[in-house]
């Protein structure tokens, strides 16, 4: 009985803190905590325009969030996939990304996933969208997601258990190797999150509006558009290796070799290129 009373008190305190935080920062574009820089500062210029949230991916994320009323979006970037009908606080370390959030977007705190500036259990849910591979310590970040949320964690990510799709397989295999090392498997994630993870496949539509790495699987010419690749972290820095791989792709498109090798893709509406929603309820 005493333990239940204490838990109820903690929940009320958490709810009060969330409401107070929201009222405090709703009129502010950004609250800075500490002095920090982030790699995404260099790719932020056109990010919002070429990484527009895809409505089908958005619907899958909203379904996973279920009835969560208060959400912290960690690694929030410009605010893609944030529900507009819930209480949301964004966390983003890049000043340039945070500055490009739309007017009226959820309040944004400049902080890192490994040190979230919130009390325990203050949010119903913690959300992270294509961000874990950028965290210096993804395990520490997941521990923080669990600490500040009282009901669930929802992560949209790529799984290294998926085989490489044609772009990285044929033109940039080292990107696949790096991603396999950077992205945790669903099983690793669940162990750190402290609960069984529901794994939901998210097939990517051929006309996906969010230009992440696997979005252009049926539009190969998009990988030759410097503006688009500048918003993909794996391609943003035009290293000699990336330049050589893109040059081979350009040659294969011009010669028809790409179409010959990948003709089975041209009639498909969606493709599973390894993206998953990982949902942990507790």
C-alpha atoms as a PDB file:
ATOM      1  CA  UNK A   1       0.000   0.000   0.000  1.00  0.00           C
ATOM      2  CA  UNK A   2       2.773   2.421   0.964  1.00  0.00           C
ATOM      3  CA  UNK A   3       4.691   1.594  -2.218  1.00  0.00           C
ATOM      4  CA  UNK A   4       1.603   2.211  -4.385  1.00  0.00           C
ATOM      5  CA  UNK A   5       1.017   5.545  -2.641  1.00  0.00           C
ATOM      6  CA  UNK A   6       4.628   6.564  -3.283  1.00  0.00           C
ATOM      7  CA  UNK A   7       4.374   5.556  -6.965  1.00  0.00           C
ATOM      8  CA  UNK A   8       1.202   7.605  -7.381  1.00  0.00           C
ATOM      9  CA  UNK A   9       2.916  10.573  -5.763  1.00  0.00           C
ATOM     10  CA  UNK A  10       5.888  10.223  -8.119  1.00  0.00           C
ATOM     11  CA  UNK A  11       3.569  10.097 -11.118  1.00  0.00           C
ATOM     12  CA  UNK A  12       1.751  13.247  -9.976  1.00  0.00           C
ATOM     13  CA  UNK A  13       5.067  15.013  -9.473  1.00  0.00           C
ATOM     14  CA  UNK A  14       6.215  13.940 -12.928  1.00  0.00           C
ATOM     15  CA  UNK A  15       2.989  15.169 -14.517  1.00  0.00           C
ATOM     16  CA  UNK A  16       3.264  18.487 -12.702  1.00  0.00           C
ATOM     17  CA  UNK A  17       6.871  18.890 -13.848  1.00  0.00           C
ATOM     18  CA  UNK A  18       5.882  18.148 -17.472  1.00  0.00           C
ATOM     19  CA  UNK A  19       3.075  20.711 -17.368  1.00  0.00           C
ATOM     20  CA  UNK A  20       5.337  23.301 -15.751  1.00  0.00           C
ATOM     21  CA  UNK A  21       8.072  22.678 -18.316  1.00  0.00           C
ATOM     22  CA  UNK A  22       5.613  23.023 -21.160  1.00  0.00           C
ATOM     23  CA  UNK A  23       4.161  26.272 -19.823  1.00  0.00           C
ATOM     24  CA  UNK A  24       7.660  27.647 -19.257  1.00  0.00           C
ATOM     25  CA  UNK A  25       9.105  26.902 -22.668  1.00  0.00           C
ATOM     26  CA  UNK A  26       6.151  26.947 -25.059  1.00  0.00           C
ATOM     27  CA  UNK A  27       6.929  30.574 -25.955  1.00  0.00           C
ATOM     28  CA  UNK A  28      10.596  29.832 -26.623  1.00  0.00           C
ATOM     29  CA  UNK A  29      12.146  28.373 -29.744  1.00  0.00           C
ATOM     30  CA  UNK A  30      15.067  26.812 -27.901  1.00  0.00           C
ATOM     31  CA  UNK A  31      16.491  26.414 -24.420  1.00  0.00           C
ATOM     32  CA  UNK A  32      20.237  25.814 -24.264  1.00  0.00           C
ATOM     33  CA  UNK A  33      21.730  23.535 -21.640  1.00  0.00           C
ATOM     34  CA  UNK A  34      25.497  23.648 -21.790  1.00  0.00           C
ATOM     35  CA  UNK A  35      27.749  24.514 -24.712  1.00  0.00           C
ATOM     36  CA  UNK A  36      27.853  21.864 -27.391  1.00  0.00           C
ATOM     37  CA  UNK A  37      28.459  21.290 -31.075  1.00  0.00           C
ATOM     38  CA  UNK A  38      27.252  18.465 -33.240  1.00  0.00           C
ATOM     39  CA  UNK A  39      28.108  16.924 -36.613  1.00  0.00           C
ATOM     40  CA  UNK A  40      24.649  17.746 -37.936  1.00  0.00           C
ATOM     41  CA  UNK A  41      25.538  21.454 -37.856  1.00  0.00           C
ATOM     42  CA  UNK A  42      27.233  20.896 -41.232  1.00  0.00           C
ATOM     43  CA  UNK A  43      24.232  19.301 -42.946  1.00  0.00           C
ATOM     44  CA  UNK A  44      21.437  21.445 -41.543  1.00  0.00           C
ATOM     45  CA  UNK A  45      21.130  23.997 -44.359  1.00  0.00           C
ATOM     46  CA  UNK A  46      18.534  22.199 -46.553  1.00  0.00           C
ATOM     47  CA  UNK A  47      17.682  19.437 -44.127  1.00  0.00           C
ATOM     48  CA  UNK A  48      14.068  20.369 -43.465  1.00  0.00           C
ATOM     49  CA  UNK A  49      13.205  20.592 -47.157  1.00  0.00           C
ATOM     50  CA  UNK A  50      14.719  17.281 -48.296  1.00  0.00           C
ATOM     51  CA  UNK A  51      13.935  15.381 -45.091  1.00  0.00           C
ATOM     52  CA  UNK A  52      10.214  16.165 -44.967  1.00  0.00           C
ATOM     53  CA  UNK A  53       8.346  13.627 -42.840  1.00  0.00           C
ATOM     54  CA  UNK A  54       6.730  10.902 -44.908  1.00  0.00           C
ATOM     55  CA  UNK A  55       3.043  10.538 -44.001  1.00  0.00           C
ATOM     56  CA  UNK A  56       3.152   6.716 -44.124  1.00  0.00           C
ATOM     57  CA  UNK A  57       6.160   6.515 -41.830  1.00  0.00           C
ATOM     58  CA  UNK A  58       4.534   9.148 -39.630  1.00  0.00           C
ATOM     59  CA  UNK A  59       1.364   7.061 -39.337  1.00  0.00           C
ATOM     60  CA  UNK A  60       3.393   4.038 -38.231  1.00  0.00           C
ATOM     61  CA  UNK A  61       5.164   6.089 -35.549  1.00  0.00           C
ATOM     62  CA  UNK A  62       1.898   7.559 -34.272  1.00  0.00           C
ATOM     63  CA  UNK A  63       0.411   4.073 -34.033  1.00  0.00           C
ATOM     64  CA  UNK A  64       3.427   2.918 -32.011  1.00  0.00           C
ATOM     65  CA  UNK A  65       3.117   5.901 -29.645  1.00  0.00           C
ATOM     66  CA  UNK A  66      -0.433   4.743 -29.001  1.00  0.00           C
ATOM     67  CA  UNK A  67      -2.163   6.774 -26.292  1.00  0.00           C
ATOM     68  CA  UNK A  68       0.971   8.492 -24.962  1.00  0.00           C
ATOM     69  CA  UNK A  69       0.011  12.029 -24.024  1.00  0.00           C
ATOM     70  CA  UNK A  70       3.448  13.409 -23.142  1.00  0.00           C
ATOM     71  CA  UNK A  71       6.493  12.646 -25.280  1.00  0.00           C
ATOM     72  CA  UNK A  72      10.156  13.555 -25.308  1.00  0.00           C
ATOM     73  CA  UNK A  73      11.622  13.420 -28.815  1.00  0.00           C
ATOM     74  CA  UNK A  74      15.355  12.804 -28.477  1.00  0.00           C
ATOM     75  CA  UNK A  75      17.618  13.699 -31.373  1.00  0.00           C
ATOM     76  CA  UNK A  76      14.661  15.643 -32.700  1.00  0.00           C
ATOM     77  CA  UNK A  77      16.363  17.572 -35.504  1.00  0.00           C
ATOM     78  CA  UNK A  78      13.962  19.939 -37.225  1.00  0.00           C
ATOM     79  CA  UNK A  79      10.928  18.244 -35.675  1.00  0.00           C
ATOM     80  CA  UNK A  80       9.948  15.531 -38.135  1.00  0.00           C
ATOM     81  CA  UNK A  81       7.390  13.038 -36.829  1.00  0.00           C
ATOM     82  CA  UNK A  82       6.501  14.982 -33.698  1.00  0.00           C
ATOM     83  CA  UNK A  83       2.769  14.650 -32.950  1.00  0.00           C
ATOM     84  CA  UNK A  84       1.036  18.012 -33.057  1.00  0.00           C
ATOM     85  CA  UNK A  85      -1.804  16.971 -30.751  1.00  0.00           C
ATOM     86  CA  UNK A  86       0.252  15.892 -27.712  1.00  0.00           C
ATOM     87  CA  UNK A  87       2.552  17.518 -25.193  1.00  0.00           C
ATOM     88  CA  UNK A  88       6.022  17.188 -26.761  1.00  0.00           C
ATOM     89  CA  UNK A  89       9.441  18.407 -25.690  1.00  0.00           C
ATOM     90  CA  UNK A  90      12.248  18.059 -28.212  1.00  0.00           C
ATOM     91  CA  UNK A  91      15.888  17.401 -27.386  1.00  0.00           C
ATOM     92  CA  UNK A  92      18.474  18.305 -30.031  1.00  0.00           C
ATOM     93  CA  UNK A  93      22.222  18.968 -29.606  1.00  0.00           C
ATOM     94  CA  UNK A  94      22.731  20.814 -32.916  1.00  0.00           C
ATOM     95  CA  UNK A  95      22.076  24.551 -32.700  1.00  0.00           C
ATOM     96  CA  UNK A  96      21.592  24.816 -36.460  1.00  0.00           C
ATOM     97  CA  UNK A  97      19.071  21.987 -36.518  1.00  0.00           C
ATOM     98  CA  UNK A  98      17.155  23.423 -33.580  1.00  0.00           C
ATOM     99  CA  UNK A  99      17.118  26.878 -35.172  1.00  0.00           C
ATOM    100  CA  UNK A 100      15.452  25.425 -38.266  1.00  0.00           C
ATOM    101  CA  UNK A 101      12.476  24.091 -36.382  1.00  0.00           C
ATOM    102  CA  UNK A 102       9.228  25.595 -37.599  1.00  0.00           C
ATOM    103  CA  UNK A 103       7.562  28.411 -35.655  1.00  0.00           C
ATOM    104  CA  UNK A 104       5.059  26.837 -33.321  1.00  0.00           C
ATOM    105  CA  UNK A 105       6.956  23.549 -33.138  1.00  0.00           C
ATOM    106  CA  UNK A 106       7.389  21.845 -29.789  1.00  0.00           C
ATOM    107  CA  UNK A 107       9.825  23.582 -27.416  1.00  0.00           C
ATOM    108  CA  UNK A 108      13.383  22.390 -27.886  1.00  0.00           C
ATOM    109  CA  UNK A 109      16.072  21.777 -25.286  1.00  0.00           C
ATOM    110  CA  UNK A 110      19.673  21.648 -26.455  1.00  0.00           C
ATOM    111  CA  UNK A 111      21.030  18.568 -24.735  1.00  0.00           C
ATOM    112  CA  UNK A 112      22.346  15.117 -25.573  1.00  0.00           C
ATOM    113  CA  UNK A 113      20.721  11.709 -25.368  1.00  0.00           C
ATOM    114  CA  UNK A 114      23.191  10.547 -22.745  1.00  0.00           C
ATOM    115  CA  UNK A 115      22.327  13.324 -20.284  1.00  0.00           C
ATOM    116  CA  UNK A 116      18.653  14.239 -20.548  1.00  0.00           C
ATOM    117  CA  UNK A 117      17.866  17.165 -18.225  1.00  0.00           C
ATOM    118  CA  UNK A 118      14.591  15.747 -16.887  1.00  0.00           C
ATOM    119  CA  UNK A 119      13.524  13.914 -13.727  1.00  0.00           C
ATOM    120  CA  UNK A 120      12.684  10.225 -13.758  1.00  0.00           C
ATOM    121  CA  UNK A 121       9.415   9.192 -15.391  1.00  0.00           C
ATOM    122  CA  UNK A 122       8.344  12.663 -16.452  1.00  0.00           C
ATOM    123  CA  UNK A 123       7.019  11.637 -19.896  1.00  0.00           C
ATOM    124  CA  UNK A 124       4.633   8.914 -21.009  1.00  0.00           C
ATOM    125  CA  UNK A 125       6.916   7.988 -23.907  1.00  0.00           C
ATOM    126  CA  UNK A 126      10.402   8.585 -25.263  1.00  0.00           C
ATOM    127  CA  UNK A 127      10.737   8.813 -29.043  1.00  0.00           C
ATOM    128  CA  UNK A 128      13.928   8.587 -31.116  1.00  0.00           C
ATOM    129  CA  UNK A 129      13.853   8.697 -34.928  1.00  0.00           C
ATOM    130  CA  UNK A 130      16.922   7.646 -36.958  1.00  0.00           C
ATOM    131  CA  UNK A 131      19.267   9.039 -34.348  1.00  0.00           C
ATOM    132  CA  UNK A 132      20.741   6.260 -32.172  1.00  0.00           C
ATOM    133  CA  UNK A 133      23.650   5.667 -34.566  1.00  0.00           C
ATOM    134  CA  UNK A 134      24.804   9.251 -33.945  1.00  0.00           C
ATOM    135  CA  UNK A 135      24.999   8.890 -30.169  1.00  0.00           C
ATOM    136  CA  UNK A 136      28.543   8.421 -28.831  1.00  0.00           C
ATOM    137  CA  UNK A 137      27.141   5.914 -26.320  1.00  0.00           C
ATOM    138  CA  UNK A 138      23.858   4.483 -27.589  1.00  0.00           C
ATOM    139  CA  UNK A 139      23.488   2.293 -24.495  1.00  0.00           C
ATOM    140  CA  UNK A 140      23.716   5.292 -22.200  1.00  0.00           C
ATOM    141  CA  UNK A 141      21.170   7.082 -24.400  1.00  0.00           C
ATOM    142  CA  UNK A 142      18.713   4.185 -24.230  1.00  0.00           C
ATOM    143  CA  UNK A 143      19.111   4.054 -20.437  1.00  0.00           C
ATOM    144  CA  UNK A 144      18.145   7.733 -20.386  1.00  0.00           C
ATOM    145  CA  UNK A 145      15.105   7.112 -22.625  1.00  0.00           C
ATOM    146  CA  UNK A 146      13.965   4.483 -20.139  1.00  0.00           C
ATOM    147  CA  UNK A 147      14.681   6.676 -17.121  1.00  0.00           C
ATOM    148  CA  UNK A 148      12.628   9.687 -18.238  1.00  0.00           C
ATOM    149  CA  UNK A 149       9.654   7.738 -19.652  1.00  0.00           C
ATOM    150  CA  UNK A 150       7.112   5.865 -17.581  1.00  0.00           C
ATOM    151  CA  UNK A 151       5.209   3.848 -20.201  1.00  0.00           C
ATOM    152  CA  UNK A 152       7.108   3.164 -23.430  1.00  0.00           C
ATOM    153  CA  UNK A 153      10.038   3.766 -25.726  1.00  0.00           C
ATOM    154  CA  UNK A 154       9.491   4.072 -29.488  1.00  0.00           C
ATOM    155  CA  UNK A 155      12.541   4.025 -31.749  1.00  0.00           C
ATOM    156  CA  UNK A 156      12.528   4.231 -35.547  1.00  0.00           C
ATOM    157  CA  UNK A 157      15.824   2.829 -36.734  1.00  0.00           C
ATOM    158  CA  UNK A 158      17.613   0.545 -39.179  1.00  0.00           C
ATOM    159  CA  UNK A 159      18.581  -2.972 -38.211  1.00  0.00           C
ATOM    160  CA  UNK A 160      21.993  -4.405 -39.107  1.00  0.00           C
ATOM    161  CA  UNK A 161      20.370  -7.829 -39.510  1.00  0.00           C
ATOM    162  CA  UNK A 162      18.959  -6.661 -42.832  1.00  0.00           C
ATOM    163  CA  UNK A 163      21.122  -7.291 -45.842  1.00  0.00           C
ATOM    164  CA  UNK A 164      22.431  -4.312 -47.822  1.00  0.00           C
ATOM    165  CA  UNK A 165      20.183  -2.933 -50.527  1.00  0.00           C
ATOM    166  CA  UNK A 166      21.563  -2.277 -53.997  1.00  0.00           C
ATOM    167  CA  UNK A 167      23.045   1.186 -53.353  1.00  0.00           C
ATOM    168  CA  UNK A 168      25.366   0.239 -50.520  1.00  0.00           C
ATOM    169  CA  UNK A 169      25.891  -3.309 -51.824  1.00  0.00           C
ATOM    170  CA  UNK A 170      27.076  -2.258 -55.279  1.00  0.00           C
ATOM    171  CA  UNK A 171      28.516   1.208 -54.769  1.00  0.00           C
ATOM    172  CA  UNK A 172      29.381   1.903 -51.111  1.00  0.00           C
ATOM    173  CA  UNK A 173      29.792  -1.389 -49.222  1.00  0.00           C
ATOM    174  CA  UNK A 174      31.859   0.330 -46.525  1.00  0.00           C
ATOM    175  CA  UNK A 175      28.765   2.357 -45.559  1.00  0.00           C
ATOM    176  CA  UNK A 176      26.978  -0.892 -44.814  1.00  0.00           C
ATOM    177  CA  UNK A 177      29.933  -2.085 -42.747  1.00  0.00           C
ATOM    178  CA  UNK A 178      29.988   1.149 -40.731  1.00  0.00           C
ATOM    179  CA  UNK A 179      26.230   1.050 -40.196  1.00  0.00           C
ATOM    180  CA  UNK A 180      26.369  -2.550 -38.987  1.00  0.00           C
ATOM    181  CA  UNK A 181      28.789  -1.405 -36.301  1.00  0.00           C
ATOM    182  CA  UNK A 182      26.825   1.753 -35.410  1.00  0.00           C
ATOM    183  CA  UNK A 183      23.236   0.450 -35.257  1.00  0.00           C
ATOM    184  CA  UNK A 184      22.339  -1.954 -32.442  1.00  0.00           C
ATOM    185  CA  UNK A 185      20.358  -5.069 -33.249  1.00  0.00           C
ATOM    186  CA  UNK A 186      16.785  -5.243 -31.907  1.00  0.00           C
ATOM    187  CA  UNK A 187      17.938  -7.833 -29.365  1.00  0.00           C
ATOM    188  CA  UNK A 188      20.767  -5.614 -28.110  1.00  0.00           C
ATOM    189  CA  UNK A 189      18.406  -2.676 -27.887  1.00  0.00           C
ATOM    190  CA  UNK A 190      15.822  -4.681 -25.908  1.00  0.00           C
ATOM    191  CA  UNK A 191      18.439  -5.890 -23.422  1.00  0.00           C
ATOM    192  CA  UNK A 192      19.543  -2.337 -22.700  1.00  0.00           C
ATOM    193  CA  UNK A 193      15.980  -0.985 -22.627  1.00  0.00           C
ATOM    194  CA  UNK A 194      15.096  -3.602 -20.020  1.00  0.00           C
ATOM    195  CA  UNK A 195      12.099  -5.166 -21.719  1.00  0.00           C
ATOM    196  CA  UNK A 196      10.942  -7.184 -24.687  1.00  0.00           C
ATOM    197  CA  UNK A 197      10.927  -5.107 -27.856  1.00  0.00           C
ATOM    198  CA  UNK A 198       8.107  -5.404 -30.331  1.00  0.00           C
ATOM    199  CA  UNK A 199       9.727  -5.246 -33.764  1.00  0.00           C
ATOM    200  CA  UNK A 200       7.610  -3.699 -36.527  1.00  0.00           C
ATOM    201  CA  UNK A 201       8.890  -3.688 -40.097  1.00  0.00           C
ATOM    202  CA  UNK A 202       8.409  -0.379 -41.913  1.00  0.00           C
ATOM    203  CA  UNK A 203       8.508  -0.939 -45.693  1.00  0.00           C
ATOM    204  CA  UNK A 204       9.641   2.216 -47.450  1.00  0.00           C
ATOM    205  CA  UNK A 205       7.391   3.593 -50.231  1.00  0.00           C
ATOM    206  CA  UNK A 206       9.041   4.306 -53.561  1.00  0.00           C
ATOM    207  CA  UNK A 207       8.145   8.012 -53.316  1.00  0.00           C
ATOM    208  CA  UNK A 208       9.159   8.478 -49.667  1.00  0.00           C
ATOM    209  CA  UNK A 209       9.400  12.196 -48.891  1.00  0.00           C
ATOM    210  CA  UNK A 210      11.938  11.752 -46.093  1.00  0.00           C
ATOM    211  CA  UNK A 211      15.278  11.504 -47.856  1.00  0.00           C
ATOM    212  CA  UNK A 212      17.168   9.142 -45.554  1.00  0.00           C
ATOM    213  CA  UNK A 213      19.666   6.656 -46.985  1.00  0.00           C
ATOM    214  CA  UNK A 214      17.171   3.990 -48.079  1.00  0.00           C
ATOM    215  CA  UNK A 215      14.470   6.363 -49.313  1.00  0.00           C
ATOM    216  CA  UNK A 216      15.583   6.467 -52.950  1.00  0.00           C
ATOM    217  CA  UNK A 217      15.675   2.733 -53.622  1.00  0.00           C
ATOM    218  CA  UNK A 218      13.549   3.205 -56.796  1.00  0.00           C
ATOM    219  CA  UNK A 219      14.917   6.657 -57.677  1.00  0.00           C
ATOM    220  CA  UNK A 220      18.652   6.065 -58.152  1.00  0.00           C
ATOM    221  CA  UNK A 221      19.266   9.426 -59.788  1.00  0.00           C
ATOM    222  CA  UNK A 222      18.481  11.076 -56.432  1.00  0.00           C
ATOM    223  CA  UNK A 223      21.778   9.776 -55.060  1.00  0.00           C
ATOM    224  CA  UNK A 224      23.529  11.991 -57.606  1.00  0.00           C
ATOM    225  CA  UNK A 225      21.774  15.124 -56.343  1.00  0.00           C
ATOM    226  CA  UNK A 226      24.225  16.893 -54.054  1.00  0.00           C
ATOM    227  CA  UNK A 227      21.434  18.730 -52.254  1.00  0.00           C
ATOM    228  CA  UNK A 228      19.751  15.458 -51.325  1.00  0.00           C
ATOM    229  CA  UNK A 229      22.901  13.615 -50.291  1.00  0.00           C
ATOM    230  CA  UNK A 230      23.956  16.564 -48.122  1.00  0.00           C
ATOM    231  CA  UNK A 231      21.076  15.622 -45.811  1.00  0.00           C
ATOM    232  CA  UNK A 232      22.184  11.972 -45.523  1.00  0.00           C
ATOM    233  CA  UNK A 233      24.851  11.678 -42.849  1.00  0.00           C
ATOM    234  CA  UNK A 234      26.649   8.787 -44.569  1.00  0.00           C
ATOM    235  CA  UNK A 235      26.991  10.791 -47.788  1.00  0.00           C
ATOM    236  CA  UNK A 236      27.190  14.371 -46.564  1.00  0.00           C
ATOM    237  CA  UNK A 237      30.980  14.402 -46.594  1.00  0.00           C
ATOM    238  CA  UNK A 238      32.033  13.829 -50.200  1.00  0.00           C
ATOM    239  CA  UNK A 239      35.057  11.655 -49.482  1.00  0.00           C
ATOM    240  CA  UNK A 240      37.030  10.103 -52.357  1.00  0.00           C
ATOM    241  CA  UNK A 241      35.309   6.798 -51.617  1.00  0.00           C
ATOM    242  CA  UNK A 242      31.832   8.340 -51.788  1.00  0.00           C
ATOM    243  CA  UNK A 243      32.752  10.269 -54.925  1.00  0.00           C
ATOM    244  CA  UNK A 244      34.026   7.122 -56.643  1.00  0.00           C
ATOM    245  CA  UNK A 245      30.916   5.141 -55.719  1.00  0.00           C
ATOM    246  CA  UNK A 246      28.603   7.855 -57.029  1.00  0.00           C
ATOM    247  CA  UNK A 247      30.628   8.092 -60.225  1.00  0.00           C
ATOM    248  CA  UNK A 248      30.119   4.351 -60.812  1.00  0.00           C
ATOM    249  CA  UNK A 249      26.399   4.792 -60.220  1.00  0.00           C
ATOM    250  CA  UNK A 250      26.276   7.653 -62.743  1.00  0.00           C
ATOM    251  CA  UNK A 251      28.043   5.467 -65.317  1.00  0.00           C
ATOM    252  CA  UNK A 252      25.659   2.560 -64.683  1.00  0.00           C
ATOM    253  CA  UNK A 253      22.623   4.791 -65.036  1.00  0.00           C
ATOM    254  CA  UNK A 254      23.912   6.260 -68.283  1.00  0.00           C
ATOM    255  CA  UNK A 255      24.740   2.836 -69.736  1.00  0.00           C
ATOM    256  CA  UNK A 256      21.536   1.151 -68.602  1.00  0.00           C
ATOM    257  CA  UNK A 257      23.404  -1.338 -66.419  1.00  0.00           C
ATOM    258  CA  UNK A 258      21.574  -0.187 -63.284  1.00  0.00           C
ATOM    259  CA  UNK A 259      18.156  -0.717 -64.868  1.00  0.00           C
ATOM    260  CA  UNK A 260      19.199  -4.122 -66.151  1.00  0.00           C
ATOM    261  CA  UNK A 261      20.372  -5.292 -62.726  1.00  0.00           C
ATOM    262  CA  UNK A 262      17.455  -3.821 -60.792  1.00  0.00           C
ATOM    263  CA  UNK A 263      14.500  -4.126 -63.160  1.00  0.00           C
ATOM    264  CA  UNK A 264      12.579  -6.171 -60.561  1.00  0.00           C
ATOM    265  CA  UNK A 265      12.382  -3.056 -58.349  1.00  0.00           C
ATOM    266  CA  UNK A 266      10.804  -0.787 -60.923  1.00  0.00           C
ATOM    267  CA  UNK A 267       7.271  -2.113 -60.493  1.00  0.00           C
ATOM    268  CA  UNK A 268       7.320  -2.235 -56.711  1.00  0.00           C
ATOM    269  CA  UNK A 269       5.449   0.252 -54.530  1.00  0.00           C
ATOM    270  CA  UNK A 270       7.347  -0.465 -51.290  1.00  0.00           C
ATOM    271  CA  UNK A 271      10.533  -2.247 -50.267  1.00  0.00           C
ATOM    272  CA  UNK A 272      11.840  -3.542 -46.961  1.00  0.00           C
ATOM    273  CA  UNK A 273      15.319  -2.057 -46.764  1.00  0.00           C
ATOM    274  CA  UNK A 274      15.774  -2.770 -43.073  1.00  0.00           C
ATOM    275  CA  UNK A 275      13.935   0.023 -41.273  1.00  0.00           C
ATOM    276  CA  UNK A 276      12.150  -1.001 -38.084  1.00  0.00           C
ATOM    277  CA  UNK A 277      10.076   0.423 -35.264  1.00  0.00           C
ATOM    278  CA  UNK A 278      11.208  -0.926 -31.912  1.00  0.00           C
ATOM    279  CA  UNK A 279       8.580  -0.541 -29.215  1.00  0.00           C
ATOM    280  CA  UNK A 280       9.161  -1.349 -25.549  1.00  0.00           C
ATOM    281  CA  UNK A 281       6.165  -1.103 -23.220  1.00  0.00           C
ATOM    282  CA  UNK A 282       6.480  -1.263 -19.425  1.00  0.00           C
END
